[in-house]
Amino acid sequence: MKRLTKEEVFALVDSLDLEVIEFERVRPHNKSEIRRKDSMQRAAFKQMVADAFEDSHQPGGDIELRIPSSNKILVGHHDGIYWLA
């Protein structure tokens, strides 16, 4: 797993060319996980990412964002670490 920088995450988000970013929030629950679809404006999403990097914490659990151009998933861990899976 290669950790991504904030700039690399922003580049991936900008590559989507969408104003509303749709993603899944993932929270652990009794040896399984709870997935919930969510969406927000691109600027708000990027601010959430910037805050997660700065605070080393992402409120609401992990996130997963599909990146169609690379056929990968951007994973944002609740401790502010991002990588491609």
C-alpha atoms as a PDB file:
ATOM      1  CA  MET A   1       0.000   0.000   0.000  1.00  0.00           C
ATOM      2  CA  LYS A   2       1.430   3.334  -1.093  1.00  0.00           C
ATOM      3  CA  ARG A   3       0.143   6.279   0.915  1.00  0.00           C
ATOM      4  CA  LEU A   4      -1.010   9.175  -1.220  1.00  0.00           C
ATOM      5  CA  THR A   5      -0.251  12.813  -0.560  1.00  0.00           C
ATOM      6  CA  LYS A   6      -2.980  15.415  -0.300  1.00  0.00           C
ATOM      7  CA  GLU A   7      -2.005  16.713  -3.758  1.00  0.00           C
ATOM      8  CA  GLU A   8      -2.275  13.214  -5.271  1.00  0.00           C
ATOM      9  CA  VAL A   9      -5.746  12.764  -3.754  1.00  0.00           C
ATOM     10  CA  PHE A  10      -6.828  16.167  -5.088  1.00  0.00           C
ATOM     11  CA  ALA A  11      -5.564  15.234  -8.575  1.00  0.00           C
ATOM     12  CA  LEU A  12      -7.613  12.027  -8.490  1.00  0.00           C
ATOM     13  CA  VAL A  13     -10.730  13.887  -7.350  1.00  0.00           C
ATOM     14  CA  ASP A  14     -10.244  16.522 -10.056  1.00  0.00           C
ATOM     15  CA  SER A  15      -9.811  13.784 -12.689  1.00  0.00           C
ATOM     16  CA  LEU A  16     -13.431  12.762 -12.083  1.00  0.00           C
ATOM     17  CA  ASP A  17     -14.618  16.036 -13.657  1.00  0.00           C
ATOM     18  CA  LEU A  18     -17.752  15.992 -11.468  1.00  0.00           C
ATOM     19  CA  GLU A  19     -19.150  18.764  -9.306  1.00  0.00           C
ATOM     20  CA  VAL A  20     -20.900  16.300  -6.972  1.00  0.00           C
ATOM     21  CA  ILE A  21     -18.686  13.500  -5.679  1.00  0.00           C
ATOM     22  CA  GLU A  22     -20.488  10.254  -4.801  1.00  0.00           C
ATOM     23  CA  PHE A  23     -18.724   7.848  -2.444  1.00  0.00           C
ATOM     24  CA  GLU A  24     -19.358   5.252   0.247  1.00  0.00           C
ATOM     25  CA  ARG A  25     -18.750   5.627   3.948  1.00  0.00           C
ATOM     26  CA  VAL A  26     -17.595   2.389   5.564  1.00  0.00           C
ATOM     27  CA  ARG A  27     -17.770   1.713   9.291  1.00  0.00           C
ATOM     28  CA  PRO A  28     -16.849  -1.509  11.096  1.00  0.00           C
ATOM     29  CA  HIS A  29     -19.674  -3.247  12.926  1.00  0.00           C
ATOM     30  CA  ASN A  30     -19.587  -6.648  14.683  1.00  0.00           C
ATOM     31  CA  LYS A  31     -16.933  -8.283  12.475  1.00  0.00           C
ATOM     32  CA  SER A  32     -18.546  -6.863   9.335  1.00  0.00           C
ATOM     33  CA  GLU A  33     -19.074  -3.371   7.978  1.00  0.00           C
ATOM     34  CA  ILE A  34     -21.849  -0.879   7.459  1.00  0.00           C
ATOM     35  CA  ARG A  35     -21.770   0.868   4.068  1.00  0.00           C
ATOM     36  CA  ARG A  36     -23.652   4.055   3.384  1.00  0.00           C
ATOM     37  CA  LYS A  37     -23.736   6.041   0.159  1.00  0.00           C
ATOM     38  CA  ASP A  38     -22.941   9.716   0.492  1.00  0.00           C
ATOM     39  CA  SER A  39     -22.250  12.665  -1.770  1.00  0.00           C
ATOM     40  CA  MET A  40     -20.994  16.223  -1.506  1.00  0.00           C
ATOM     41  CA  GLN A  41     -19.803  19.072  -3.652  1.00  0.00           C
ATOM     42  CA  ARG A  42     -16.250  18.670  -4.959  1.00  0.00           C
ATOM     43  CA  ALA A  43     -14.980  21.670  -2.955  1.00  0.00           C
ATOM     44  CA  ALA A  44     -16.495  20.288   0.265  1.00  0.00           C
ATOM     45  CA  PHE A  45     -15.029  16.836  -0.440  1.00  0.00           C
ATOM     46  CA  LYS A  46     -11.568  18.314  -0.978  1.00  0.00           C
ATOM     47  CA  GLN A  47     -11.926  20.316   2.237  1.00  0.00           C
ATOM     48  CA  MET A  48     -12.852  17.113   4.094  1.00  0.00           C
ATOM     49  CA  VAL A  49      -9.696  15.470   2.710  1.00  0.00           C
ATOM     50  CA  ALA A  50      -7.532  18.474   3.629  1.00  0.00           C
ATOM     51  CA  ASP A  51      -8.951  18.465   7.166  1.00  0.00           C
ATOM     52  CA  ALA A  52      -8.321  14.716   7.472  1.00  0.00           C
ATOM     53  CA  PHE A  53      -4.677  15.186   6.483  1.00  0.00           C
ATOM     54  CA  GLU A  54      -4.258  18.109   8.878  1.00  0.00           C
ATOM     55  CA  ASP A  55      -6.038  16.484  11.843  1.00  0.00           C
ATOM     56  CA  SER A  56      -4.946  12.872  11.147  1.00  0.00           C
ATOM     57  CA  HIS A  57      -8.614  11.986  11.552  1.00  0.00           C
ATOM     58  CA  GLN A  58     -11.565  11.669   9.208  1.00  0.00           C
ATOM     59  CA  PRO A  59     -14.937  11.962  10.941  1.00  0.00           C
ATOM     60  CA  GLY A  60     -17.531   9.390   9.927  1.00  0.00           C
ATOM     61  CA  GLY A  61     -15.206   6.440   9.360  1.00  0.00           C
ATOM     62  CA  ASP A  62     -13.504   5.269   6.189  1.00  0.00           C
ATOM     63  CA  ILE A  63     -14.500   6.330   2.682  1.00  0.00           C
ATOM     64  CA  GLU A  64     -14.268   4.608  -0.694  1.00  0.00           C
ATOM     65  CA  LEU A  65     -14.391   6.516  -3.973  1.00  0.00           C
ATOM     66  CA  ARG A  66     -14.324   4.708  -7.312  1.00  0.00           C
ATOM     67  CA  ILE A  67     -11.861   6.165  -9.850  1.00  0.00           C
ATOM     68  CA  PRO A  68     -13.101   4.900 -13.255  1.00  0.00           C
ATOM     69  CA  SER A  69     -10.054   6.075 -15.250  1.00  0.00           C
ATOM     70  CA  SER A  70      -7.744   3.721 -13.335  1.00  0.00           C
ATOM     71  CA  ASN A  71     -10.387   1.139 -12.371  1.00  0.00           C
ATOM     72  CA  LYS A  72      -9.279   1.521  -8.757  1.00  0.00           C
ATOM     73  CA  ILE A  73     -10.837   2.677  -5.509  1.00  0.00           C
ATOM     74  CA  LEU A  74      -9.530   5.604  -3.510  1.00  0.00           C
ATOM     75  CA  VAL A  75      -9.664   4.529   0.126  1.00  0.00           C
ATOM     76  CA  GLY A  76      -9.643   7.139   2.868  1.00  0.00           C
ATOM     77  CA  HIS A  77      -8.939   5.611   6.265  1.00  0.00           C
ATOM     78  CA  HIS A  78     -10.467   7.173   9.389  1.00  0.00           C
ATOM     79  CA  ASP A  79      -6.995   8.225  10.553  1.00  0.00           C
ATOM     80  CA  GLY A  80      -6.431  10.459   7.523  1.00  0.00           C
ATOM     81  CA  ILE A  81      -4.409   8.054   5.367  1.00  0.00           C
ATOM     82  CA  TYR A  82      -5.360   7.611   1.702  1.00  0.00           C
ATOM     83  CA  TRP A  83      -4.340   4.965  -0.833  1.00  0.00           C
ATOM     84  CA  LEU A  84      -5.513   3.277  -4.033  1.00  0.00           C
ATOM     85  CA  ALA A  85      -6.865  -0.268  -3.840  1.00  0.00           C
END
